[in-house]
Amino acid sequence: MKHVIGWASLIALSLVTGCTAIQTGGDIVKGRAALLAGRPEDSLAYFRRAAQLDPNYVTGFTVFKEGVWTYLGRANYETKNYAAAHEALESAVARHNDDSMAHLYLGLTLAREGDRQRALKEIQTGLKGLYDWLEDVTQTHRYDYGQFWDPTREIRSQIQADLVMISKGEFDWAKLIADGETIGKRMEEEIDRAAQEEQFFRGRPGDNDRGGGRR
């Protein structure tokens, strides 16, 4: 009898966990759509609920990973609620220190708040992380999905220019912040653009013979 109760509990827990994951992922997708459409206020409710449901959630619909607190921080940043953005993004980097988008937006938030010394460090960390990620995915998976990411190197070229500017110590803060925001937006858009390009490529006649399936 104890074994029956135990298995029943495990099954119930699995069902609840599965439902939570589905709802969290759905909220992220809806919130992200609103954020990309320029409606950050609308995205906040989705991201807040997702963070409550699973504070450790990391995106699974793309090879480029972002945590739920990163999205919540970015939405607050776009609504100019920098105090809330700061809190969420600190949580994001504490939970997932390799989340380059979180570092970038934490730096942008700190810059808006006036803490330029730490802001510069976080922006630089975020930009370098994004650059290194793009380099790795386009080289390591160049015969597979990597070929669809930043194919013209526009994002990496902008990042390189900003990193050089930072290293020289000769930059305009307004330009650096604007560039950081543009790069962040471009990276988010690249998730969808790369997915669409890959889907089109996979659907071409004879493509299944290329041996390019994702592993």
N, C-alpha and C. Protein backbone atom coordinates (compact mmCIF):
# COMPACT_ATOMS: atom_id res chain seq x y z
N MET A 1 0.83 -1.22 0.00
CA MET A 1 0.00 0.00 0.00
C MET A 1 0.86 1.26 0.00
N LYS A 2 1.96 1.20 0.78
CA LYS A 2 2.85 2.36 0.85
C LYS A 2 3.46 2.64 -0.51
N HIS A 3 3.79 1.56 -1.25
CA HIS A 3 4.38 1.74 -2.57
C HIS A 3 3.40 2.38 -3.53
N VAL A 4 2.13 1.99 -3.41
CA VAL A 4 1.08 2.56 -4.28
C VAL A 4 0.95 4.05 -4.02
N ILE A 5 0.93 4.43 -2.74
CA ILE A 5 0.82 5.85 -2.37
C ILE A 5 2.04 6.62 -2.86
N GLY A 6 3.21 5.97 -2.71
CA GLY A 6 4.44 6.63 -3.15
C GLY A 6 4.45 6.91 -4.63
N TRP A 7 4.09 5.92 -5.44
CA TRP A 7 4.03 6.10 -6.89
C TRP A 7 2.99 7.13 -7.29
N ALA A 8 1.86 7.13 -6.61
CA ALA A 8 0.80 8.09 -6.90
C ALA A 8 1.29 9.51 -6.64
N SER A 9 2.05 9.67 -5.56
CA SER A 9 2.58 10.99 -5.22
C SER A 9 3.58 11.46 -6.27
N LEU A 10 4.43 10.54 -6.72
CA LEU A 10 5.43 10.88 -7.73
C LEU A 10 4.77 11.28 -9.05
N ILE A 11 3.74 10.53 -9.42
CA ILE A 11 3.02 10.85 -10.66
C ILE A 11 2.35 12.22 -10.56
N ALA A 12 1.72 12.48 -9.42
CA ALA A 12 1.05 13.77 -9.22
C ALA A 12 2.07 14.90 -9.27
N LEU A 13 3.24 14.69 -8.62
CA LEU A 13 4.29 15.71 -8.61
C LEU A 13 4.81 15.96 -10.02
N SER A 14 4.97 14.90 -10.79
CA SER A 14 5.45 15.04 -12.17
C SER A 14 4.47 15.83 -13.02
N LEU A 15 3.19 15.57 -12.83
CA LEU A 15 2.17 16.29 -13.58
C LEU A 15 2.16 17.77 -13.25
N VAL A 16 2.28 18.07 -11.94
CA VAL A 16 2.31 19.47 -11.50
C VAL A 16 3.55 20.16 -12.04
N THR A 17 4.70 19.48 -11.97
CA THR A 17 5.95 20.05 -12.47
C THR A 17 5.88 20.31 -13.97
N GLY A 18 5.30 19.35 -14.69
CA GLY A 18 5.17 19.51 -16.13
C GLY A 18 4.26 20.67 -16.49
N CYS A 19 3.15 20.81 -15.79
CA CYS A 19 2.21 21.91 -16.04
C CYS A 19 2.87 23.26 -15.74
N THR A 20 3.65 23.30 -14.67
CA THR A 20 4.33 24.53 -14.29
C THR A 20 5.34 24.94 -15.36
N ALA A 21 6.09 23.95 -15.86
CA ALA A 21 7.08 24.23 -16.90
C ALA A 21 6.42 24.76 -18.16
N ILE A 22 5.28 24.15 -18.53
CA ILE A 22 4.56 24.58 -19.73
C ILE A 22 4.04 25.99 -19.56
N GLN A 23 3.47 26.30 -18.40
CA GLN A 23 2.93 27.63 -18.16
C GLN A 23 4.04 28.67 -18.12
N THR A 24 5.16 28.32 -17.47
CA THR A 24 6.28 29.25 -17.39
C THR A 24 6.82 29.56 -18.78
N GLY A 25 7.02 28.51 -19.57
CA GLY A 25 7.50 28.70 -20.94
C GLY A 25 6.54 29.52 -21.77
N GLY A 26 5.24 29.27 -21.58
CA GLY A 26 4.23 30.04 -22.31
C GLY A 26 4.25 31.51 -21.95
N ASP A 27 4.43 31.80 -20.66
CA ASP A 27 4.50 33.20 -20.22
C ASP A 27 5.73 33.90 -20.79
N ILE A 28 6.85 33.17 -20.85
CA ILE A 28 8.06 33.75 -21.40
C ILE A 28 7.87 34.08 -22.88
N VAL A 29 7.26 33.16 -23.61
CA VAL A 29 7.03 33.37 -25.05
C VAL A 29 6.12 34.58 -25.27
N LYS A 30 5.04 34.69 -24.49
CA LYS A 30 4.11 35.81 -24.64
C LYS A 30 4.76 37.13 -24.21
N GLY A 31 5.50 37.09 -23.11
CA GLY A 31 6.16 38.30 -22.64
C GLY A 31 7.22 38.75 -23.61
N ARG A 32 7.95 37.80 -24.16
CA ARG A 32 9.00 38.13 -25.12
C ARG A 32 8.41 38.75 -26.39
N ALA A 33 7.28 38.23 -26.84
CA ALA A 33 6.62 38.77 -28.03
C ALA A 33 6.23 40.23 -27.79
N ALA A 34 5.71 40.52 -26.61
CA ALA A 34 5.33 41.90 -26.28
C ALA A 34 6.56 42.79 -26.20
N LEU A 35 7.64 42.26 -25.63
CA LEU A 35 8.88 43.05 -25.51
C LEU A 35 9.44 43.38 -26.88
N LEU A 36 9.46 42.41 -27.77
CA LEU A 36 9.98 42.64 -29.11
C LEU A 36 9.09 43.59 -29.92
N ALA A 37 7.81 43.60 -29.58
CA ALA A 37 6.86 44.47 -30.28
C ALA A 37 6.87 45.90 -29.73
N GLY A 38 7.75 46.15 -28.76
CA GLY A 38 7.84 47.49 -28.18
C GLY A 38 6.79 47.77 -27.14
N ARG A 39 6.27 46.70 -26.47
CA ARG A 39 5.27 46.86 -25.43
C ARG A 39 5.78 46.27 -24.12
N PRO A 40 6.83 46.84 -23.56
CA PRO A 40 7.42 46.29 -22.34
C PRO A 40 6.47 46.26 -21.15
N GLU A 41 5.55 47.24 -21.10
CA GLU A 41 4.57 47.26 -19.99
C GLU A 41 3.72 46.00 -20.02
N ASP A 42 3.32 45.59 -21.23
CA ASP A 42 2.50 44.38 -21.37
C ASP A 42 3.28 43.12 -21.01
N SER A 43 4.58 43.15 -21.23
CA SER A 43 5.39 41.96 -20.99
C SER A 43 5.65 41.72 -19.50
N LEU A 44 5.57 42.76 -18.71
CA LEU A 44 5.91 42.64 -17.29
C LEU A 44 5.07 41.60 -16.55
N ALA A 45 3.78 41.59 -16.78
CA ALA A 45 2.90 40.65 -16.07
C ALA A 45 3.29 39.21 -16.38
N TYR A 46 3.62 38.94 -17.64
CA TYR A 46 4.02 37.59 -18.03
C TYR A 46 5.33 37.18 -17.35
N PHE A 47 6.31 38.09 -17.39
CA PHE A 47 7.61 37.77 -16.82
C PHE A 47 7.55 37.64 -15.29
N ARG A 48 6.75 38.48 -14.66
CA ARG A 48 6.61 38.37 -13.19
C ARG A 48 6.00 37.03 -12.80
N ARG A 49 4.96 36.62 -13.53
CA ARG A 49 4.33 35.35 -13.20
C ARG A 49 5.29 34.19 -13.47
N ALA A 50 6.05 34.28 -14.55
CA ALA A 50 7.02 33.23 -14.87
C ALA A 50 8.08 33.12 -13.78
N ALA A 51 8.54 34.26 -13.28
CA ALA A 51 9.55 34.27 -12.22
C ALA A 51 9.01 33.67 -10.93
N GLN A 52 7.74 33.89 -10.67
CA GLN A 52 7.12 33.32 -9.48
C GLN A 52 6.95 31.80 -9.62
N LEU A 53 6.56 31.37 -10.82
CA LEU A 53 6.35 29.94 -11.06
C LEU A 53 7.66 29.16 -11.02
N ASP A 54 8.70 29.71 -11.64
CA ASP A 54 10.00 29.02 -11.68
C ASP A 54 11.12 30.05 -11.73
N PRO A 55 11.63 30.46 -10.56
CA PRO A 55 12.67 31.48 -10.50
C PRO A 55 13.99 31.07 -11.14
N ASN A 56 14.17 29.79 -11.41
CA ASN A 56 15.41 29.31 -12.03
C ASN A 56 15.24 28.98 -13.52
N TYR A 57 14.11 29.39 -14.09
CA TYR A 57 13.82 29.05 -15.48
C TYR A 57 14.84 29.66 -16.44
N VAL A 58 15.26 28.85 -17.40
CA VAL A 58 16.15 29.28 -18.48
C VAL A 58 15.51 28.84 -19.79
N THR A 59 15.52 29.70 -20.78
CA THR A 59 14.85 29.40 -22.05
C THR A 59 15.34 28.09 -22.66
N GLY A 60 14.40 27.34 -23.21
CA GLY A 60 14.72 26.08 -23.85
C GLY A 60 14.35 26.03 -25.30
N PHE A 61 13.79 27.14 -25.84
CA PHE A 61 13.33 27.14 -27.23
C PHE A 61 14.42 27.61 -28.19
N THR A 62 15.60 27.94 -27.67
CA THR A 62 16.70 28.42 -28.50
C THR A 62 18.02 28.01 -27.89
N VAL A 63 19.05 27.92 -28.71
CA VAL A 63 20.37 27.57 -28.19
C VAL A 63 20.99 28.73 -27.42
N PHE A 64 20.48 29.93 -27.64
CA PHE A 64 20.95 31.10 -26.89
C PHE A 64 20.11 31.21 -25.62
N LYS A 65 20.74 31.02 -24.47
CA LYS A 65 20.00 30.91 -23.22
C LYS A 65 19.89 32.25 -22.47
N GLU A 66 18.70 32.49 -21.94
CA GLU A 66 18.45 33.63 -21.06
C GLU A 66 17.55 33.17 -19.92
N GLY A 67 17.78 33.71 -18.74
CA GLY A 67 16.96 33.35 -17.60
C GLY A 67 15.75 34.26 -17.47
N VAL A 68 14.76 33.81 -16.70
CA VAL A 68 13.53 34.57 -16.53
C VAL A 68 13.81 35.93 -15.88
N TRP A 69 14.79 36.01 -14.98
CA TRP A 69 15.09 37.29 -14.33
C TRP A 69 15.73 38.27 -15.30
N THR A 70 16.40 37.74 -16.31
CA THR A 70 16.97 38.60 -17.35
C THR A 70 15.84 39.29 -18.11
N TYR A 71 14.85 38.52 -18.49
CA TYR A 71 13.72 39.10 -19.21
C TYR A 71 12.95 40.09 -18.34
N LEU A 72 12.76 39.76 -17.09
CA LEU A 72 12.05 40.67 -16.19
C LEU A 72 12.85 41.96 -16.01
N GLY A 73 14.16 41.84 -15.87
CA GLY A 73 15.00 43.02 -15.75
C GLY A 73 14.97 43.88 -17.00
N ARG A 74 15.01 43.24 -18.15
CA ARG A 74 14.99 43.99 -19.40
C ARG A 74 13.67 44.72 -19.59
N ALA A 75 12.57 44.08 -19.23
CA ALA A 75 11.26 44.73 -19.37
C ALA A 75 11.18 45.95 -18.46
N ASN A 76 11.68 45.82 -17.23
CA ASN A 76 11.69 46.96 -16.32
C ASN A 76 12.62 48.07 -16.83
N TYR A 77 13.72 47.67 -17.42
CA TYR A 77 14.64 48.65 -18.00
C TYR A 77 13.95 49.45 -19.09
N GLU A 78 13.22 48.75 -19.95
CA GLU A 78 12.55 49.43 -21.06
C GLU A 78 11.43 50.36 -20.58
N THR A 79 10.88 50.09 -19.40
CA THR A 79 9.86 50.99 -18.85
C THR A 79 10.48 52.07 -17.97
N LYS A 80 11.84 52.08 -17.92
CA LYS A 80 12.61 53.07 -17.16
C LYS A 80 12.46 52.91 -15.64
N ASN A 81 12.03 51.74 -15.22
CA ASN A 81 11.99 51.44 -13.79
C ASN A 81 13.32 50.80 -13.44
N TYR A 82 14.36 51.64 -13.31
CA TYR A 82 15.72 51.14 -13.17
C TYR A 82 15.97 50.45 -11.83
N ALA A 83 15.27 50.85 -10.78
CA ALA A 83 15.44 50.20 -9.49
C ALA A 83 14.98 48.74 -9.57
N ALA A 84 13.82 48.52 -10.19
CA ALA A 84 13.30 47.16 -10.34
C ALA A 84 14.17 46.36 -11.31
N ALA A 85 14.65 47.02 -12.37
CA ALA A 85 15.52 46.35 -13.33
C ALA A 85 16.80 45.91 -12.65
N HIS A 86 17.36 46.79 -11.84
CA HIS A 86 18.60 46.48 -11.12
C HIS A 86 18.43 45.24 -10.24
N GLU A 87 17.35 45.22 -9.49
CA GLU A 87 17.10 44.09 -8.58
C GLU A 87 16.96 42.77 -9.35
N ALA A 88 16.20 42.80 -10.43
CA ALA A 88 15.97 41.58 -11.22
C ALA A 88 17.26 41.11 -11.89
N LEU A 89 18.04 42.04 -12.41
CA LEU A 89 19.26 41.67 -13.13
C LEU A 89 20.36 41.20 -12.19
N GLU A 90 20.39 41.73 -10.98
CA GLU A 90 21.32 41.21 -9.97
C GLU A 90 20.98 39.76 -9.67
N SER A 91 19.70 39.46 -9.58
CA SER A 91 19.25 38.08 -9.36
C SER A 91 19.62 37.21 -10.56
N ALA A 92 19.51 37.78 -11.75
CA ALA A 92 19.81 37.02 -12.97
C ALA A 92 21.27 36.57 -13.01
N VAL A 93 22.20 37.49 -12.74
CA VAL A 93 23.62 37.13 -12.80
C VAL A 93 24.03 36.26 -11.61
N ALA A 94 23.33 36.41 -10.50
CA ALA A 94 23.63 35.57 -9.33
C ALA A 94 23.23 34.12 -9.61
N ARG A 95 22.13 33.92 -10.31
CA ARG A 95 21.65 32.58 -10.60
C ARG A 95 22.38 31.96 -11.79
N HIS A 96 22.66 32.76 -12.80
CA HIS A 96 23.30 32.25 -14.02
C HIS A 96 24.37 33.26 -14.46
N ASN A 97 25.57 33.10 -13.94
CA ASN A 97 26.62 34.09 -14.19
C ASN A 97 27.08 34.12 -15.64
N ASP A 98 26.74 33.07 -16.41
CA ASP A 98 27.13 33.03 -17.82
C ASP A 98 26.07 33.64 -18.74
N ASP A 99 25.05 34.26 -18.16
CA ASP A 99 23.99 34.92 -18.94
C ASP A 99 24.51 36.30 -19.37
N SER A 100 25.07 36.36 -20.56
CA SER A 100 25.70 37.60 -21.04
C SER A 100 24.71 38.74 -21.22
N MET A 101 23.49 38.41 -21.60
CA MET A 101 22.48 39.45 -21.77
C MET A 101 22.16 40.10 -20.42
N ALA A 102 22.18 39.30 -19.36
CA ALA A 102 21.93 39.84 -18.02
C ALA A 102 23.04 40.81 -17.63
N HIS A 103 24.28 40.44 -17.91
CA HIS A 103 25.41 41.33 -17.59
C HIS A 103 25.32 42.63 -18.39
N LEU A 104 24.98 42.52 -19.67
CA LEU A 104 24.87 43.72 -20.50
C LEU A 104 23.82 44.67 -19.95
N TYR A 105 22.62 44.15 -19.68
CA TYR A 105 21.55 45.03 -19.21
C TYR A 105 21.75 45.48 -17.77
N LEU A 106 22.46 44.71 -16.97
CA LEU A 106 22.80 45.19 -15.63
C LEU A 106 23.74 46.38 -15.77
N GLY A 107 24.70 46.28 -16.69
CA GLY A 107 25.60 47.40 -16.93
C GLY A 107 24.88 48.63 -17.43
N LEU A 108 23.94 48.44 -18.35
CA LEU A 108 23.17 49.58 -18.87
C LEU A 108 22.34 50.22 -17.76
N THR A 109 21.78 49.37 -16.89
CA THR A 109 20.98 49.88 -15.77
C THR A 109 21.85 50.67 -14.81
N LEU A 110 23.02 50.13 -14.48
CA LEU A 110 23.95 50.83 -13.58
C LEU A 110 24.38 52.17 -14.18
N ALA A 111 24.57 52.19 -15.48
CA ALA A 111 24.94 53.43 -16.15
C ALA A 111 23.82 54.46 -16.02
N ARG A 112 22.59 54.02 -16.18
CA ARG A 112 21.44 54.92 -16.04
C ARG A 112 21.32 55.44 -14.60
N GLU A 113 21.77 54.60 -13.65
CA GLU A 113 21.69 54.98 -12.24
C GLU A 113 22.88 55.82 -11.79
N GLY A 114 23.90 55.91 -12.65
CA GLY A 114 25.06 56.75 -12.32
C GLY A 114 26.27 56.03 -11.79
N ASP A 115 26.20 54.72 -11.62
CA ASP A 115 27.35 53.94 -11.14
C ASP A 115 28.19 53.52 -12.35
N ARG A 116 28.94 54.45 -12.90
CA ARG A 116 29.61 54.22 -14.16
C ARG A 116 30.80 53.25 -14.06
N GLN A 117 31.47 53.24 -12.93
CA GLN A 117 32.62 52.34 -12.79
C GLN A 117 32.20 50.87 -12.90
N ARG A 118 31.18 50.49 -12.15
CA ARG A 118 30.70 49.11 -12.23
C ARG A 118 29.95 48.87 -13.53
N ALA A 119 29.26 49.91 -14.01
CA ALA A 119 28.51 49.78 -15.26
C ALA A 119 29.43 49.38 -16.40
N LEU A 120 30.58 50.02 -16.48
CA LEU A 120 31.53 49.75 -17.56
C LEU A 120 32.00 48.29 -17.51
N LYS A 121 32.26 47.80 -16.31
CA LYS A 121 32.71 46.41 -16.15
C LYS A 121 31.63 45.43 -16.61
N GLU A 122 30.38 45.69 -16.22
CA GLU A 122 29.30 44.78 -16.59
C GLU A 122 28.99 44.85 -18.09
N ILE A 123 29.00 46.04 -18.65
CA ILE A 123 28.76 46.18 -20.09
C ILE A 123 29.84 45.44 -20.87
N GLN A 124 31.08 45.63 -20.46
CA GLN A 124 32.20 44.96 -21.14
C GLN A 124 32.08 43.44 -21.02
N THR A 125 31.73 42.96 -19.83
CA THR A 125 31.55 41.51 -19.63
C THR A 125 30.43 40.98 -20.52
N GLY A 126 29.32 41.71 -20.57
CA GLY A 126 28.19 41.29 -21.39
C GLY A 126 28.51 41.27 -22.87
N LEU A 127 29.15 42.32 -23.35
CA LEU A 127 29.50 42.41 -24.77
C LEU A 127 30.48 41.30 -25.17
N LYS A 128 31.49 41.11 -24.35
CA LYS A 128 32.48 40.07 -24.65
C LYS A 128 31.83 38.68 -24.64
N GLY A 129 30.94 38.46 -23.69
CA GLY A 129 30.25 37.18 -23.62
C GLY A 129 29.40 36.92 -24.85
N LEU A 130 28.70 37.94 -25.32
CA LEU A 130 27.87 37.80 -26.52
C LEU A 130 28.75 37.53 -27.75
N TYR A 131 29.84 38.26 -27.84
CA TYR A 131 30.76 38.07 -28.97
C TYR A 131 31.32 36.65 -28.97
N ASP A 132 31.80 36.21 -27.82
CA ASP A 132 32.40 34.88 -27.71
C ASP A 132 31.36 33.79 -28.01
N TRP A 133 30.11 34.01 -27.57
CA TRP A 133 29.07 33.03 -27.84
C TRP A 133 28.82 32.91 -29.33
N LEU A 134 28.72 34.05 -30.01
CA LEU A 134 28.48 34.04 -31.45
C LEU A 134 29.64 33.39 -32.19
N GLU A 135 30.86 33.69 -31.77
CA GLU A 135 32.03 33.09 -32.40
C GLU A 135 32.02 31.57 -32.22
N ASP A 136 31.70 31.14 -31.02
CA ASP A 136 31.69 29.71 -30.72
C ASP A 136 30.62 28.97 -31.52
N VAL A 137 29.40 29.51 -31.51
CA VAL A 137 28.30 28.79 -32.19
C VAL A 137 28.49 28.78 -33.70
N THR A 138 29.06 29.86 -34.26
CA THR A 138 29.24 29.91 -35.71
C THR A 138 30.43 29.08 -36.17
N GLN A 139 31.35 28.80 -35.27
CA GLN A 139 32.50 27.96 -35.63
C GLN A 139 32.24 26.49 -35.29
N THR A 140 31.83 26.24 -34.06
CA THR A 140 31.62 24.85 -33.61
C THR A 140 30.49 24.17 -34.38
N HIS A 141 29.46 24.94 -34.73
CA HIS A 141 28.31 24.37 -35.43
C HIS A 141 28.13 25.02 -36.81
N ARG A 142 29.24 25.30 -37.46
CA ARG A 142 29.19 26.03 -38.73
C ARG A 142 28.52 25.25 -39.86
N TYR A 143 28.50 23.92 -39.75
CA TYR A 143 27.84 23.12 -40.79
C TYR A 143 26.41 22.77 -40.40
N ASP A 144 25.98 23.31 -39.27
CA ASP A 144 24.63 23.03 -38.78
C ASP A 144 23.97 24.38 -38.47
N TYR A 145 23.32 24.49 -37.33
CA TYR A 145 22.55 25.70 -37.02
C TYR A 145 23.41 26.94 -36.80
N GLY A 146 24.71 26.76 -36.57
CA GLY A 146 25.58 27.92 -36.35
C GLY A 146 25.69 28.85 -37.54
N GLN A 147 25.47 28.30 -38.73
CA GLN A 147 25.59 29.10 -39.95
C GLN A 147 24.50 30.17 -40.07
N PHE A 148 23.45 30.04 -39.27
CA PHE A 148 22.33 30.97 -39.38
C PHE A 148 22.44 32.15 -38.41
N TRP A 149 23.43 32.11 -37.53
CA TRP A 149 23.58 33.16 -36.53
C TRP A 149 24.57 34.23 -37.00
N ASP A 150 24.09 35.48 -37.02
CA ASP A 150 24.91 36.63 -37.40
C ASP A 150 25.77 36.33 -38.64
N PRO A 151 25.17 35.89 -39.73
CA PRO A 151 25.94 35.46 -40.90
C PRO A 151 26.76 36.58 -41.55
N THR A 152 26.32 37.82 -41.42
CA THR A 152 27.07 38.94 -42.01
C THR A 152 27.99 39.61 -40.99
N ARG A 153 28.01 39.07 -39.76
CA ARG A 153 28.87 39.56 -38.69
C ARG A 153 28.55 41.00 -38.27
N GLU A 154 27.37 41.47 -38.57
CA GLU A 154 27.02 42.84 -38.20
C GLU A 154 27.01 43.03 -36.69
N ILE A 155 26.45 42.06 -35.97
CA ILE A 155 26.38 42.18 -34.52
C ILE A 155 27.78 42.13 -33.93
N ARG A 156 28.59 41.17 -34.38
CA ARG A 156 29.94 41.07 -33.86
C ARG A 156 30.80 42.27 -34.21
N SER A 157 30.60 42.84 -35.37
CA SER A 157 31.36 44.03 -35.76
C SER A 157 31.04 45.21 -34.84
N GLN A 158 29.76 45.37 -34.50
CA GLN A 158 29.35 46.44 -33.59
C GLN A 158 29.93 46.20 -32.20
N ILE A 159 29.88 44.95 -31.75
CA ILE A 159 30.43 44.62 -30.44
C ILE A 159 31.93 44.91 -30.41
N GLN A 160 32.64 44.49 -31.45
CA GLN A 160 34.07 44.72 -31.52
C GLN A 160 34.40 46.21 -31.45
N ALA A 161 33.64 47.00 -32.19
CA ALA A 161 33.87 48.45 -32.20
C ALA A 161 33.69 49.04 -30.81
N ASP A 162 32.67 48.57 -30.10
CA ASP A 162 32.42 49.10 -28.76
C ASP A 162 33.47 48.63 -27.76
N LEU A 163 33.92 47.39 -27.90
CA LEU A 163 34.96 46.89 -27.00
C LEU A 163 36.28 47.63 -27.21
N VAL A 164 36.59 47.96 -28.46
CA VAL A 164 37.79 48.75 -28.75
C VAL A 164 37.65 50.15 -28.15
N MET A 165 36.48 50.71 -28.30
CA MET A 165 36.20 52.04 -27.75
C MET A 165 36.37 52.05 -26.22
N ILE A 166 35.87 51.00 -25.58
CA ILE A 166 35.99 50.89 -24.13
C ILE A 166 37.45 50.74 -23.72
N SER A 167 38.18 49.88 -24.43
CA SER A 167 39.57 49.61 -24.08
C SER A 167 40.45 50.86 -24.19
N LYS A 168 40.10 51.75 -25.11
CA LYS A 168 40.86 53.00 -25.29
C LYS A 168 40.47 54.04 -24.26
N GLY A 169 39.32 53.83 -23.62
CA GLY A 169 38.86 54.80 -22.63
C GLY A 169 38.38 56.10 -23.24
N GLU A 170 38.14 56.06 -24.53
CA GLU A 170 37.68 57.26 -25.23
C GLU A 170 36.30 56.99 -25.82
N PHE A 171 35.29 57.28 -25.04
CA PHE A 171 33.94 57.02 -25.53
C PHE A 171 32.94 57.99 -24.90
N ASP A 172 31.83 58.11 -25.57
CA ASP A 172 30.72 58.93 -25.10
C ASP A 172 29.73 57.98 -24.42
N TRP A 173 29.35 58.27 -23.17
CA TRP A 173 28.47 57.37 -22.44
C TRP A 173 27.12 57.21 -23.14
N ALA A 174 26.62 58.30 -23.70
CA ALA A 174 25.33 58.22 -24.40
C ALA A 174 25.41 57.25 -25.58
N LYS A 175 26.52 57.29 -26.30
CA LYS A 175 26.71 56.39 -27.44
C LYS A 175 26.87 54.96 -26.96
N LEU A 176 27.64 54.75 -25.90
CA LEU A 176 27.85 53.39 -25.40
C LEU A 176 26.54 52.77 -24.94
N ILE A 177 25.72 53.54 -24.24
CA ILE A 177 24.42 53.04 -23.78
C ILE A 177 23.52 52.73 -24.98
N ALA A 178 23.49 53.65 -25.94
CA ALA A 178 22.65 53.43 -27.13
C ALA A 178 23.10 52.20 -27.91
N ASP A 179 24.42 52.04 -28.04
CA ASP A 179 24.95 50.87 -28.74
C ASP A 179 24.60 49.58 -28.00
N GLY A 180 24.73 49.63 -26.67
CA GLY A 180 24.40 48.44 -25.87
C GLY A 180 22.95 48.04 -26.02
N GLU A 181 22.06 49.03 -26.03
CA GLU A 181 20.64 48.75 -26.20
C GLU A 181 20.37 48.16 -27.58
N THR A 182 21.04 48.70 -28.60
CA THR A 182 20.87 48.20 -29.96
C THR A 182 21.35 46.76 -30.09
N ILE A 183 22.51 46.47 -29.50
CA ILE A 183 23.06 45.12 -29.56
C ILE A 183 22.14 44.14 -28.83
N GLY A 184 21.63 44.55 -27.67
CA GLY A 184 20.71 43.69 -26.93
C GLY A 184 19.47 43.37 -27.75
N LYS A 185 18.92 44.38 -28.39
CA LYS A 185 17.73 44.17 -29.22
C LYS A 185 18.05 43.29 -30.43
N ARG A 186 19.21 43.54 -31.06
CA ARG A 186 19.59 42.75 -32.22
C ARG A 186 19.79 41.28 -31.87
N MET A 187 20.40 41.02 -30.71
CA MET A 187 20.61 39.64 -30.30
C MET A 187 19.27 38.94 -30.07
N GLU A 188 18.32 39.65 -29.48
CA GLU A 188 17.01 39.04 -29.24
C GLU A 188 16.30 38.77 -30.56
N GLU A 189 16.39 39.70 -31.48
CA GLU A 189 15.79 39.51 -32.80
C GLU A 189 16.47 38.38 -33.57
N GLU A 190 17.76 38.21 -33.31
CA GLU A 190 18.52 37.18 -34.01
C GLU A 190 18.02 35.78 -33.67
N ILE A 191 17.48 35.61 -32.49
CA ILE A 191 16.92 34.32 -32.09
C ILE A 191 15.85 33.88 -33.09
N ASP A 192 14.94 34.80 -33.40
CA ASP A 192 13.85 34.49 -34.32
C ASP A 192 14.33 34.43 -35.77
N ARG A 193 15.22 35.36 -36.13
CA ARG A 193 15.70 35.40 -37.51
C ARG A 193 16.47 34.12 -37.84
N ALA A 194 17.35 33.69 -36.92
CA ALA A 194 18.13 32.47 -37.14
C ALA A 194 17.22 31.25 -37.22
N ALA A 195 16.20 31.21 -36.37
CA ALA A 195 15.26 30.08 -36.38
C ALA A 195 14.49 30.02 -37.69
N GLN A 196 14.07 31.17 -38.20
CA GLN A 196 13.34 31.21 -39.46
C GLN A 196 14.22 30.78 -40.63
N GLU A 197 15.49 31.25 -40.63
CA GLU A 197 16.41 30.88 -41.69
C GLU A 197 16.69 29.37 -41.66
N GLU A 198 16.86 28.84 -40.45
CA GLU A 198 17.11 27.41 -40.32
C GLU A 198 15.91 26.60 -40.79
N GLN A 199 14.72 27.05 -40.41
CA GLN A 199 13.50 26.34 -40.82
C GLN A 199 13.36 26.33 -42.34
N PHE A 200 13.64 27.47 -42.97
CA PHE A 200 13.57 27.56 -44.43
C PHE A 200 14.59 26.62 -45.07
N PHE A 201 15.80 26.62 -44.53
CA PHE A 201 16.88 25.80 -45.08
C PHE A 201 16.55 24.32 -44.95
N ARG A 202 16.04 23.92 -43.78
CA ARG A 202 15.72 22.52 -43.53
C ARG A 202 14.59 22.04 -44.45
N GLY A 203 13.74 22.99 -44.86
CA GLY A 203 12.59 22.62 -45.68
C GLY A 203 12.88 22.53 -47.16
N ARG A 204 14.11 22.89 -47.56
CA ARG A 204 14.45 22.85 -48.98
C ARG A 204 14.56 21.41 -49.48
N PRO A 205 14.15 21.13 -50.72
CA PRO A 205 14.23 19.78 -51.27
C PRO A 205 15.67 19.27 -51.25
N GLY A 206 15.84 18.04 -50.77
CA GLY A 206 17.16 17.44 -50.76
C GLY A 206 17.99 17.80 -49.55
N ASP A 207 17.48 18.70 -48.70
CA ASP A 207 18.29 19.13 -47.56
C ASP A 207 18.46 18.02 -46.54
N ASN A 208 17.50 17.11 -46.46
CA ASN A 208 17.62 16.02 -45.49
C ASN A 208 18.80 15.12 -45.78
N ASP A 209 19.35 15.23 -46.99
CA ASP A 209 20.50 14.40 -47.35
C ASP A 209 21.82 15.05 -46.96
N ARG A 210 21.76 16.26 -46.42
CA ARG A 210 22.99 16.99 -46.11
C ARG A 210 23.62 16.54 -44.81
N GLY A 211 22.84 15.83 -43.99
CA GLY A 211 23.41 15.35 -42.74
C GLY A 211 23.60 16.45 -41.72
N GLY A 212 22.75 17.47 -41.78
CA GLY A 212 22.94 18.61 -40.90
C GLY A 212 22.02 18.64 -39.72
N GLY A 213 21.50 17.49 -39.28
CA GLY A 213 20.59 17.47 -38.15
C GLY A 213 21.24 17.94 -36.87
N ARG A 214 20.48 18.66 -36.03
CA ARG A 214 21.03 19.17 -34.79
C ARG A 214 21.23 18.05 -33.79
N ARG A 215 22.36 18.14 -33.10
CA ARG A 215 22.66 17.14 -32.08
C ARG A 215 22.85 17.84 -30.76
